[in-house]
PDB file of N, CA and C in Angstrom:
ATOM      1  N   MET A   1     152.246 100.025  54.936  1.00  0.00           N
ATOM      2  CA  MET A   1     153.153  99.777  53.608  1.00  0.00           C
ATOM      3  C   MET A   1     152.598  98.355  53.029  1.00  0.00           C
ATOM      4  N   ARG A   2     152.313  97.149  53.653  1.00  0.00           N
ATOM      5  CA  ARG A   2     151.873  96.192  53.238  1.00  0.00           C
ATOM      6  C   ARG A   2     150.537  96.397  52.728  1.00  0.00           C
ATOM      7  N   ILE A   3     149.683  97.194  52.765  1.00  0.00           N
ATOM      8  CA  ILE A   3     148.348  97.191  52.326  1.00  0.00           C
ATOM      9  C   ILE A   3     148.991  98.058  51.029  1.00  0.00           C
ATOM     10  N   VAL A   4     149.584  98.982  51.018  1.00  0.00           N
ATOM     11  CA  VAL A   4     149.793  99.615  49.360  1.00  0.00           C
ATOM     12  C   VAL A   4     150.559  98.620  48.739  1.00  0.00           C
ATOM     13  N   HIS A   5     151.275  97.908  49.096  1.00  0.00           N
ATOM     14  CA  HIS A   5     152.079  97.052  48.023  1.00  0.00           C
ATOM     15  C   HIS A   5     150.710  95.925  47.378  1.00  0.00           C
ATOM     16  N   ALA A   6     149.717  95.396  48.720  1.00  0.00           N
ATOM     17  CA  ALA A   6     148.678  94.669  47.963  1.00  0.00           C
ATOM     18  C   ALA A   6     147.927  95.019  47.176  1.00  0.00           C
ATOM     19  N   LEU A   7     147.497  96.314  47.589  1.00  0.00           N
ATOM     20  CA  LEU A   7     146.798  97.154  46.444  1.00  0.00           C
ATOM     21  C   LEU A   7     147.340  97.640  45.125  1.00  0.00           C
ATOM     22  N   LEU A   8     148.383  97.985  45.099  1.00  0.00           N
ATOM     23  CA  LEU A   8     149.301  97.693  43.667  1.00  0.00           C
ATOM     24  C   LEU A   8     149.486  96.578  43.191  1.00  0.00           C
ATOM     25  N   PHE A   9     149.877  95.503  43.625  1.00  0.00           N
ATOM     26  CA  PHE A   9     149.639  94.455  43.074  1.00  0.00           C
ATOM     27  C   PHE A   9     148.362  93.884  42.400  1.00  0.00           C
ATOM     28  N   ALA A  10     147.008  94.490  42.991  1.00  0.00           N
ATOM     29  CA  ALA A  10     145.678  93.776  43.084  1.00  0.00           C
ATOM     30  C   ALA A  10     145.532  94.639  41.265  1.00  0.00           C
ATOM     31  N   LEU A  11     146.035  96.032  41.569  1.00  0.00           N
ATOM     32  CA  LEU A  11     145.804  96.997  40.145  1.00  0.00           C
ATOM     33  C   LEU A  11     146.588  96.679  39.065  1.00  0.00           C
ATOM     34  N   LEU A  12     147.627  95.974  39.248  1.00  0.00           N
ATOM     35  CA  LEU A  12     148.489  95.110  37.944  1.00  0.00           C
ATOM     36  C   LEU A  12     147.695  93.947  37.539  1.00  0.00           C
ATOM     37  N   VAL A  13     147.219  93.033  38.403  1.00  0.00           N
ATOM     38  CA  VAL A  13     146.397  91.823  38.133  1.00  0.00           C
ATOM     39  C   VAL A  13     145.215  92.264  37.296  1.00  0.00           C
ATOM     40  N   LEU A  14     144.537  93.152  37.765  1.00  0.00           N
ATOM     41  CA  LEU A  14     143.327  93.644  37.122  1.00  0.00           C
ATOM     42  C   LEU A  14     143.511  94.231  35.757  1.00  0.00           C
ATOM     43  N   ALA A  15     144.462  95.368  35.687  1.00  0.00           N
ATOM     44  CA  ALA A  15     145.094  95.734  34.060  1.00  0.00           C
ATOM     45  C   ALA A  15     145.335  94.456  33.530  1.00  0.00           C
ATOM     46  N   GLY A  16     145.810  93.851  33.850  1.00  0.00           N
ATOM     47  CA  GLY A  16     146.871  92.646  32.842  1.00  0.00           C
ATOM     48  C   GLY A  16     145.004  91.941  32.435  1.00  0.00           C
ATOM     49  N   CYS A  17     144.245  91.668  33.432  1.00  0.00           N
ATOM     50  CA  CYS A  17     143.283  91.184  32.756  1.00  0.00           C
ATOM     51  C   CYS A  17     142.280  91.751  31.918  1.00  0.00           C
ATOM     52  N   SER A  18     142.333  92.902  32.154  1.00  0.00           N
ATOM     53  CA  SER A  18     141.545  93.209  30.720  1.00  0.00           C
ATOM     54  C   SER A  18     142.121  93.860  29.690  1.00  0.00           C
ATOM     55  N   SER A  19     143.281  93.802  29.594  1.00  0.00           N
ATOM     56  CA  SER A  19     143.886  94.025  28.476  1.00  0.00           C
ATOM     57  C   SER A  19     143.650  93.323  27.068  1.00  0.00           C
ATOM     58  N   GLN A  20     143.477  93.216  25.807  1.00  0.00           N
ATOM     59  CA  GLN A  20     143.591  92.244  24.948  1.00  0.00           C
ATOM     60  C   GLN A  20     144.860  92.217  24.237  1.00  0.00           C
ATOM     61  N   ALA A  21     145.337  91.387  24.166  1.00  0.00           N
ATOM     62  CA  ALA A  21     146.368  90.744  23.170  1.00  0.00           C
ATOM     63  C   ALA A  21     145.806  90.953  21.916  1.00  0.00           C
ATOM     64  N   ALA A  22     147.315  91.727  20.866  1.00  0.00           N
ATOM     65  CA  ALA A  22     146.778  92.238  19.621  1.00  0.00           C
ATOM     66  C   ALA A  22     147.124  91.055  18.590  1.00  0.00           C
ATOM     67  N   PRO A  23     146.808  90.771  17.406  1.00  0.00           N
ATOM     68  CA  PRO A  23     147.156  89.777  16.588  1.00  0.00           C
ATOM     69  C   PRO A  23     148.370  89.629  16.511  1.00  0.00           C
ATOM     70  N   ALA A  24     148.965  88.487  16.429  1.00  0.00           N
ATOM     71  CA  ALA A  24     150.718  88.324  16.102  1.00  0.00           C
ATOM     72  C   ALA A  24     150.194  89.017  14.556  1.00  0.00           C
ATOM     73  N   ALA A  25     152.212  89.651  14.525  1.00  0.00           N
ATOM     74  CA  ALA A  25     152.347  90.232  13.392  1.00  0.00           C
ATOM     75  C   ALA A  25     152.595  88.647  12.049  1.00  0.00           C
ATOM     76  N   PRO A  26     152.171  89.286  11.176  1.00  0.00           N
ATOM     77  CA  PRO A  26     152.326  88.649   9.652  1.00  0.00           C
ATOM     78  C   PRO A  26     153.912  88.062   9.827  1.00  0.00           C
ATOM     79  N   THR A  27     153.897  86.698   9.617  1.00  0.00           N
ATOM     80  CA  THR A  27     155.126  86.036   9.609  1.00  0.00           C
ATOM     81  C   THR A  27     155.565  86.111   8.160  1.00  0.00           C
ATOM     82  N   GLY A  28     154.664  86.141   6.921  1.00  0.00           N
ATOM     83  CA  GLY A  28     154.887  85.745   5.628  1.00  0.00           C
ATOM     84  C   GLY A  28     153.372  86.518   4.714  1.00  0.00           C
ATOM     85  N   PRO A  29     153.485  86.140   3.610  1.00  0.00           N
ATOM     86  CA  PRO A  29     152.603  86.278   2.608  1.00  0.00           C
ATOM     87  C   PRO A  29     151.528  85.270   2.837  1.00  0.00           C
ATOM     88  N   LEU A  30     150.072  85.197   2.783  1.00  0.00           N
ATOM     89  CA  LEU A  30     149.320  84.617   2.886  1.00  0.00           C
ATOM     90  C   LEU A  30     149.064  84.262   1.515  1.00  0.00           C
ATOM     91  N   VAL A  31     149.586  82.931   0.722  1.00  0.00           N
ATOM     92  CA  VAL A  31     149.308  82.332  -0.291  1.00  0.00           C
ATOM     93  C   VAL A  31     148.173  81.494  -0.514  1.00  0.00           C
ATOM     94  N   LEU A  32     147.085  81.902  -1.561  1.00  0.00           N
ATOM     95  CA  LEU A  32     146.321  80.761  -1.676  1.00  0.00           C
ATOM     96  C   LEU A  32     146.227  80.562  -3.571  1.00  0.00           C
ATOM     97  N   ARG A  33     145.767  79.462  -4.088  1.00  0.00           N
ATOM     98  CA  ARG A  33     145.500  79.098  -4.822  1.00  0.00           C
ATOM     99  C   ARG A  33     143.920  78.561  -5.071  1.00  0.00           C
ATOM    100  N   LEU A  34     143.411  79.100  -5.747  1.00  0.00           N
ATOM    101  CA  LEU A  34     141.674  78.396  -5.878  1.00  0.00           C
ATOM    102  C   LEU A  34     141.825  78.540  -7.526  1.00  0.00           C
ATOM    103  N   SER A  35     140.307  77.726  -7.410  1.00  0.00           N
ATOM    104  CA  SER A  35     139.741  77.333  -9.278  1.00  0.00           C
ATOM    105  C   SER A  35     138.462  77.589  -9.143  1.00  0.00           C
ATOM    106  N   VAL A  36     138.039  78.254 -10.345  1.00  0.00           N
ATOM    107  CA  VAL A  36     136.845  78.361 -10.610  1.00  0.00           C
ATOM    108  C   VAL A  36     136.053  77.515 -10.717  1.00  0.00           C
ATOM    109  N   ASP A  37     136.688  76.471 -11.883  1.00  0.00           N
ATOM    110  CA  ASP A  37     136.130  74.883 -11.857  1.00  0.00           C
ATOM    111  C   ASP A  37     135.429  74.414 -10.805  1.00  0.00           C
ATOM    112  N   GLN A  38     136.383  74.265  -9.637  1.00  0.00           N
ATOM    113  CA  GLN A  38     136.040  73.632  -8.337  1.00  0.00           C
ATOM    114  C   GLN A  38     136.133  74.537  -7.209  1.00  0.00           C
ATOM    115  N   PRO A  39     135.367  75.451  -7.142  1.00  0.00           N
ATOM    116  CA  PRO A  39     135.056  76.285  -5.869  1.00  0.00           C
ATOM    117  C   PRO A  39     134.498  75.306  -5.056  1.00  0.00           C
ATOM    118  N   SER A  40     134.989  75.666  -3.707  1.00  0.00           N
ATOM    119  CA  SER A  40     134.868  75.304  -2.284  1.00  0.00           C
ATOM    120  C   SER A  40     135.102  76.614  -1.237  1.00  0.00           C
ATOM    121  N   PRO A  41     133.969  77.359  -1.512  1.00  0.00           N
ATOM    122  CA  PRO A  41     133.964  78.342  -0.409  1.00  0.00           C
ATOM    123  C   PRO A  41     134.570  78.221   1.193  1.00  0.00           C
ATOM    124  N   GLN A  42     135.047  78.857   1.434  1.00  0.00           N
ATOM    125  CA  GLN A  42     135.368  79.067   2.792  1.00  0.00           C
ATOM    126  C   GLN A  42     136.086  80.068   3.210  1.00  0.00           C
ATOM    127  N   ARG A  43     136.726  80.099   4.662  1.00  0.00           N
ATOM    128  CA  ARG A  43     137.037  81.457   5.179  1.00  0.00           C
ATOM    129  C   ARG A  43     138.767  80.891   5.085  1.00  0.00           C
ATOM    130  N   VAL A  44     139.210  81.892   4.775  1.00  0.00           N
ATOM    131  CA  VAL A  44     140.645  81.809   5.416  1.00  0.00           C
ATOM    132  C   VAL A  44     141.151  83.122   6.246  1.00  0.00           C
ATOM    133  N   GLU A  45     141.962  82.914   7.176  1.00  0.00           N
ATOM    134  CA  GLU A  45     142.403  84.359   8.113  1.00  0.00           C
ATOM    135  C   GLU A  45     143.586  85.021   7.899  1.00  0.00           C
ATOM    136  N   ALA A  46     143.758  86.367   7.773  1.00  0.00           N
ATOM    137  CA  ALA A  46     144.999  86.975   7.926  1.00  0.00           C
ATOM    138  C   ALA A  46     145.086  88.093   8.632  1.00  0.00           C
ATOM    139  N   VAL A  47     146.005  88.973   8.793  1.00  0.00           N
ATOM    140  CA  VAL A  47     146.541  89.629  10.116  1.00  0.00           C
ATOM    141  C   VAL A  47     146.533  90.914   9.064  1.00  0.00           C
ATOM    142  N   ARG A  48     145.659  92.299   9.787  1.00  0.00           N
ATOM    143  CA  ARG A  48     146.449  93.356   9.005  1.00  0.00           C
ATOM    144  C   ARG A  48     147.549  93.629   9.096  1.00  0.00           C
ATOM    145  N   GLY A  49     147.713  94.008   7.807  1.00  0.00           N
ATOM    146  CA  GLY A  49     149.162  94.311   7.294  1.00  0.00           C
ATOM    147  C   GLY A  49     149.744  93.203   6.534  1.00  0.00           C
ATOM    148  N   GLN A  50     149.359  92.333   5.985  1.00  0.00           N
ATOM    149  CA  GLN A  50     149.673  90.670   5.931  1.00  0.00           C
ATOM    150  C   GLN A  50     149.599  90.789   4.199  1.00  0.00           C
ATOM    151  N   ALA A  51     150.652  90.591   3.410  1.00  0.00           N
ATOM    152  CA  ALA A  51     150.787  90.641   1.996  1.00  0.00           C
ATOM    153  C   ALA A  51     150.114  89.543   1.790  1.00  0.00           C
ATOM    154  N   VAL A  52     148.871  89.273   0.329  1.00  0.00           N
ATOM    155  CA  VAL A  52     148.542  88.287   0.014  1.00  0.00           C
ATOM    156  C   VAL A  52     148.588  88.087  -1.707  1.00  0.00           C
ATOM    157  N   GLU A  53     148.818  86.789  -1.585  1.00  0.00           N
ATOM    158  CA  GLU A  53     149.023  86.563  -3.341  1.00  0.00           C
ATOM    159  C   GLU A  53     148.167  85.738  -3.791  1.00  0.00           C
ATOM    160  N   LEU A  54     147.221  85.835  -4.486  1.00  0.00           N
ATOM    161  CA  LEU A  54     146.092  85.206  -4.656  1.00  0.00           C
ATOM    162  C   LEU A  54     146.043  84.499  -6.066  1.00  0.00           C
ATOM    163  N   THR A  55     145.672  83.328  -6.530  1.00  0.00           N
ATOM    164  CA  THR A  55     145.956  82.812  -7.755  1.00  0.00           C
ATOM    165  C   THR A  55     144.993  82.150  -8.118  1.00  0.00           C
ATOM    166  N   VAL A  56     144.229  82.265  -9.322  1.00  0.00           N
ATOM    167  CA  VAL A  56     142.802  81.632  -9.362  1.00  0.00           C
ATOM    168  C   VAL A  56     142.604  81.165 -10.874  1.00  0.00           C
ATOM    169  N   THR A  57     142.797  80.001 -11.227  1.00  0.00           N
ATOM    170  CA  THR A  57     142.494  79.866 -12.174  1.00  0.00           C
ATOM    171  C   THR A  57     140.982  79.287 -13.366  1.00  0.00           C
ATOM    172  N   SER A  58     140.934  79.308 -14.334  1.00  0.00           N
ATOM    173  CA  SER A  58     139.598  79.290 -14.419  1.00  0.00           C
ATOM    174  C   SER A  58     139.330  78.652 -15.885  1.00  0.00           C
ATOM    175  N   GLU A  59     138.547  77.807 -16.657  1.00  0.00           N
ATOM    176  CA  GLU A  59     138.422  77.367 -18.437  1.00  0.00           C
ATOM    177  C   GLU A  59     138.025  78.591 -19.136  1.00  0.00           C
ATOM    178  N   GLU A  60     137.157  79.224 -18.424  1.00  0.00           N
ATOM    179  CA  GLU A  60     136.409  80.525 -19.391  1.00  0.00           C
ATOM    180  C   GLU A  60     136.648  81.644 -18.671  1.00  0.00           C
ATOM    181  N   PRO A  61     137.135  82.398 -19.260  1.00  0.00           N
ATOM    182  CA  PRO A  61     137.126  83.889 -18.943  1.00  0.00           C
ATOM    183  C   PRO A  61     136.301  84.223 -17.783  1.00  0.00           C
ATOM    184  N   VAL A  62     136.856  85.235 -16.723  1.00  0.00           N
ATOM    185  CA  VAL A  62     136.292  85.629 -15.656  1.00  0.00           C
ATOM    186  C   VAL A  62     136.878  86.682 -14.892  1.00  0.00           C
ATOM    187  N   ASP A  63     136.573  87.614 -14.648  1.00  0.00           N
ATOM    188  CA  ASP A  63     136.720  88.479 -13.759  1.00  0.00           C
ATOM    189  C   ASP A  63     136.763  87.929 -12.079  1.00  0.00           C
ATOM    190  N   VAL A  64     138.037  87.972 -11.558  1.00  0.00           N
ATOM    191  CA  VAL A  64     138.338  87.943 -10.211  1.00  0.00           C
ATOM    192  C   VAL A  64     138.383  89.002  -9.225  1.00  0.00           C
ATOM    193  N   HIS A  65     137.525  89.394  -8.399  1.00  0.00           N
ATOM    194  CA  HIS A  65     137.561  90.543  -7.659  1.00  0.00           C
ATOM    195  C   HIS A  65     137.527  90.404  -6.337  1.00  0.00           C
ATOM    196  N   VAL A  66     138.748  91.407  -5.206  1.00  0.00           N
ATOM    197  CA  VAL A  66     138.334  91.173  -4.145  1.00  0.00           C
ATOM    198  C   VAL A  66     137.669  92.298  -3.105  1.00  0.00           C
ATOM    199  N   HIS A  67     136.629  92.093  -3.047  1.00  0.00           N
ATOM    200  CA  HIS A  67     135.372  93.170  -2.667  1.00  0.00           C
ATOM    201  C   HIS A  67     136.149  93.726  -1.342  1.00  0.00           C
ATOM    202  N   GLY A  68     135.702  95.050  -1.108  1.00  0.00           N
ATOM    203  CA  GLY A  68     136.851  95.924   0.055  1.00  0.00           C
ATOM    204  C   GLY A  68     138.075  96.466  -0.444  1.00  0.00           C
ATOM    205  N   VAL A  69     138.767  95.444  -0.782  1.00  0.00           N
ATOM    206  CA  VAL A  69     140.173  95.835  -1.552  1.00  0.00           C
ATOM    207  C   VAL A  69     140.199  96.314  -2.778  1.00  0.00           C
ATOM    208  N   ASP A  70     139.167  96.169  -3.249  1.00  0.00           N
ATOM    209  CA  ASP A  70     139.083  96.655  -4.848  1.00  0.00           C
ATOM    210  C   ASP A  70     140.596  96.408  -5.521  1.00  0.00           C
ATOM    211  N   VAL A  71     140.688  94.911  -5.669  1.00  0.00           N
ATOM    212  CA  VAL A  71     141.516  94.729  -6.533  1.00  0.00           C
ATOM    213  C   VAL A  71     140.969  93.928  -7.479  1.00  0.00           C
ATOM    214  N   LEU A  72     141.387  93.830  -8.874  1.00  0.00           N
ATOM    215  CA  LEU A  72     140.574  93.038  -9.996  1.00  0.00           C
ATOM    216  C   LEU A  72     141.735  92.459 -10.937  1.00  0.00           C
ATOM    217  N   ALA A  73     141.020  91.103 -11.432  1.00  0.00           N
ATOM    218  CA  ALA A  73     141.851  90.602 -12.515  1.00  0.00           C
ATOM    219  C   ALA A  73     141.022  89.733 -13.312  1.00  0.00           C
ATOM    220  N   LYS A  74     141.649  89.552 -14.672  1.00  0.00           N
ATOM    221  CA  LYS A  74     140.976  88.543 -15.080  1.00  0.00           C
ATOM    222  C   LYS A  74     141.890  87.128 -15.479  1.00  0.00           C
ATOM    223  N   ALA A  75     140.784  85.855 -15.502  1.00  0.00           N
ATOM    224  CA  ALA A  75     141.737  84.720 -15.283  1.00  0.00           C
ATOM    225  C   ALA A  75     141.162  84.225 -16.973  1.00  0.00           C
ATOM    226  N   GLU A  76     141.886  83.264 -17.767  1.00  0.00           N
ATOM    227  CA  GLU A  76     141.221  82.845 -18.972  1.00  0.00           C
ATOM    228  C   GLU A  76     141.834  81.599 -18.702  1.00  0.00           C
ATOM    229  N   SER A  77     141.715  80.688 -19.806  1.00  0.00           N
ATOM    230  CA  SER A  77     141.985  79.338 -19.964  1.00  0.00           C
ATOM    231  C   SER A  77     143.643  79.320 -20.213  1.00  0.00           C
ATOM    232  N   GLY A  78     144.456  78.742 -19.321  1.00  0.00           N
ATOM    233  CA  GLY A  78     145.974  78.603 -19.519  1.00  0.00           C
ATOM    234  C   GLY A  78     146.577  80.022 -19.127  1.00  0.00           C
ATOM    235  N   LYS A  79     145.561  80.887 -18.555  1.00  0.00           N
ATOM    236  CA  LYS A  79     146.136  82.271 -17.585  1.00  0.00           C
ATOM    237  C   LYS A  79     145.755  82.299 -16.824  1.00  0.00           C
ATOM    238  N   PRO A  80     146.502  82.251 -15.889  1.00  0.00           N
ATOM    239  CA  PRO A  80     145.430  82.645 -14.480  1.00  0.00           C
ATOM    240  C   PRO A  80     145.665  83.830 -14.144  1.00  0.00           C
ATOM    241  N   ALA A  81     144.441  84.079 -13.037  1.00  0.00           N
ATOM    242  CA  ALA A  81     144.369  85.587 -12.571  1.00  0.00           C
ATOM    243  C   ALA A  81     145.239  85.873 -11.184  1.00  0.00           C
ATOM    244  N   VAL A  82     146.119  86.572 -11.086  1.00  0.00           N
ATOM    245  CA  VAL A  82     147.299  86.584  -9.819  1.00  0.00           C
ATOM    246  C   VAL A  82     146.952  87.942  -9.809  1.00  0.00           C
ATOM    247  N   LEU A  83     146.446  88.335  -8.128  1.00  0.00           N
ATOM    248  CA  LEU A  83     146.236  89.482  -7.576  1.00  0.00           C
ATOM    249  C   LEU A  83     147.326  89.406  -6.376  1.00  0.00           C
ATOM    250  N   GLU A  84     148.341  90.639  -6.416  1.00  0.00           N
ATOM    251  CA  GLU A  84     149.062  90.668  -4.902  1.00  0.00           C
ATOM    252  C   GLU A  84     148.638  91.903  -4.092  1.00  0.00           C
ATOM    253  N   PHE A  85     148.484  91.939  -2.892  1.00  0.00           N
ATOM    254  CA  PHE A  85     147.916  93.332  -2.056  1.00  0.00           C
ATOM    255  C   PHE A  85     148.247  92.903  -1.136  1.00  0.00           C
ATOM    256  N   THR A  86     148.188  94.006  -0.181  1.00  0.00           N
ATOM    257  CA  THR A  86     148.195  93.960   1.277  1.00  0.00           C
ATOM    258  C   THR A  86     146.914  94.608   2.032  1.00  0.00           C
ATOM    259  N   VAL A  87     146.674  93.853   2.893  1.00  0.00           N
ATOM    260  CA  VAL A  87     145.301  94.014   3.587  1.00  0.00           C
ATOM    261  C   VAL A  87     145.569  94.729   4.972  1.00  0.00           C
ATOM    262  N   ASP A  88     144.938  96.188   4.629  1.00  0.00           N
ATOM    263  CA  ASP A  88     145.324  97.332   5.365  1.00  0.00           C
ATOM    264  C   ASP A  88     144.075  97.900   6.299  1.00  0.00           C
ATOM    265  N   ARG A  89     143.334  96.723   6.571  1.00  0.00           N
ATOM    266  CA  ARG A  89     142.338  96.953   7.483  1.00  0.00           C
ATOM    267  C   ARG A  89     141.248  95.736   8.011  1.00  0.00           C
ATOM    268  N   THR A  90     140.350  95.717   8.708  1.00  0.00           N
ATOM    269  CA  THR A  90     140.091  94.502   9.243  1.00  0.00           C
ATOM    270  C   THR A  90     138.573  94.155   8.882  1.00  0.00           C
ATOM    271  N   GLY A  91     137.926  93.126   8.649  1.00  0.00           N
ATOM    272  CA  GLY A  91     136.790  92.739   8.399  1.00  0.00           C
ATOM    273  C   GLY A  91     136.922  91.628   7.831  1.00  0.00           C
ATOM    274  N   THR A  92     135.578  91.062   7.011  1.00  0.00           N
ATOM    275  CA  THR A  92     135.301  89.961   6.166  1.00  0.00           C
ATOM    276  C   THR A  92     135.068  90.590   4.557  1.00  0.00           C
ATOM    277  N   PHE A  93     136.435  89.748   3.750  1.00  0.00           N
ATOM    278  CA  PHE A  93     136.071  90.393   2.403  1.00  0.00           C
ATOM    279  C   PHE A  93     135.881  89.451   1.750  1.00  0.00           C
ATOM    280  N   ASP A  94     135.097  89.560   0.486  1.00  0.00           N
ATOM    281  CA  ASP A  94     134.666  88.111  -0.442  1.00  0.00           C
ATOM    282  C   ASP A  94     135.487  88.241  -1.763  1.00  0.00           C
ATOM    283  N   VAL A  95     136.107  87.271  -1.539  1.00  0.00           N
ATOM    284  CA  VAL A  95     136.848  87.028  -3.436  1.00  0.00           C
ATOM    285  C   VAL A  95     135.649  86.223  -4.045  1.00  0.00           C
ATOM    286  N   GLU A  96     135.560  86.594  -5.209  1.00  0.00           N
ATOM    287  CA  GLU A  96     134.777  86.363  -5.905  1.00  0.00           C
ATOM    288  C   GLU A  96     135.030  86.197  -7.685  1.00  0.00           C
ATOM    289  N   ALA A  97     134.687  85.324  -8.364  1.00  0.00           N
ATOM    290  CA  ALA A  97     134.702  85.172  -9.495  1.00  0.00           C
ATOM    291  C   ALA A  97     133.044  85.822 -10.551  1.00  0.00           C
ATOM    292  N   HIS A  98     133.251  87.134 -10.799  1.00  0.00           N
ATOM    293  CA  HIS A  98     132.324  87.724 -11.300  1.00  0.00           C
ATOM    294  C   HIS A  98     131.696  87.069 -12.574  1.00  0.00           C
ATOM    295  N   PRO A  99     129.974  86.569 -12.399  1.00  0.00           N
ATOM    296  CA  PRO A  99     128.984  87.723 -11.663  1.00  0.00           C
ATOM    297  C   PRO A  99     128.597  87.208 -10.341  1.00  0.00           C
ATOM    298  N   ASP A 100     128.963  85.526 -10.222  1.00  0.00           N
ATOM    299  CA  ASP A 100     128.293  85.049  -8.873  1.00  0.00           C
ATOM    300  C   ASP A 100     129.266  84.160  -8.121  1.00  0.00           C
ATOM    301  N   THR A 101     130.292  83.774  -8.486  1.00  0.00           N
ATOM    302  CA  THR A 101     130.888  82.275  -7.971  1.00  0.00           C
ATOM    303  C   THR A 101     131.686  83.001  -6.622  1.00  0.00           C
ATOM    304  N   LEU A 102     131.549  82.958  -5.287  1.00  0.00           N
ATOM    305  CA  LEU A 102     132.181  82.672  -4.709  1.00  0.00           C
ATOM    306  C   LEU A 102     133.362  82.059  -3.986  1.00  0.00           C
ATOM    307  N   LEU A 103     134.812  82.376  -3.954  1.00  0.00           N
ATOM    308  CA  LEU A 103     135.834  81.855  -4.175  1.00  0.00           C
ATOM    309  C   LEU A 103     136.340  81.314  -2.633  1.00  0.00           C
ATOM    310  N   VAL A 104     136.295  82.646  -1.883  1.00  0.00           N
ATOM    311  CA  VAL A 104     136.818  82.174  -0.648  1.00  0.00           C
ATOM    312  C   VAL A 104     136.017  83.575  -0.003  1.00  0.00           C
ATOM    313  N   GLN A 105     136.587  83.734   1.262  1.00  0.00           N
ATOM    314  CA  GLN A 105     136.074  84.760   1.998  1.00  0.00           C
ATOM    315  C   GLN A 105     137.588  85.153   2.907  1.00  0.00           C
ATOM    316  N   LEU A 106     137.428  86.002   2.883  1.00  0.00           N
ATOM    317  CA  LEU A 106     139.331  86.393   3.904  1.00  0.00           C
ATOM    318  C   LEU A 106     138.620  87.144   4.973  1.00  0.00           C
ATOM    319  N   VAL A 107     139.060  86.685   6.277  1.00  0.00           N
ATOM    320  CA  VAL A 107     138.517  87.450   7.266  1.00  0.00           C
ATOM    321  C   VAL A 107     140.126  87.992   7.654  1.00  0.00           C
ATOM    322  N   VAL A 108     140.210  89.223   8.007  1.00  0.00           N
ATOM    323  CA  VAL A 108     141.407  89.942   8.467  1.00  0.00           C
ATOM    324  C   VAL A 108     140.969  90.537   9.867  1.00  0.00           C
ATOM    325  N   ARG A 109     141.932  89.976  10.803  1.00  0.00           N
ATOM    326  CA  ARG A 109     141.801  90.483  12.285  1.00  0.00           C
ATOM    327  C   ARG A 109     143.235  91.563  12.501  1.00  0.00           C
TER     328      ARG A 109
END
């Protein structure tokens, strides 16, 4: 009987070691405030299913696009672009001010 208990214990330990922890559930929206005029490309992490509130300012008219999420808004002097969306899949998504300014990379796990 002792052998059976030892084998069951060993199986439970092995099963626990091989499982991967799921990402923590989002606790609230990810709020980002960015400027086209002072870009500082960086990576920001989010959790799948998390709401994102992105505000982008610019002195010149510019389109702001979240690649892979297909969210688009226009920023103008005195009128920021405001994008609100939920990330529903994992991956790395570039947030750009078109045509060629990388504002941030959104890494979703």
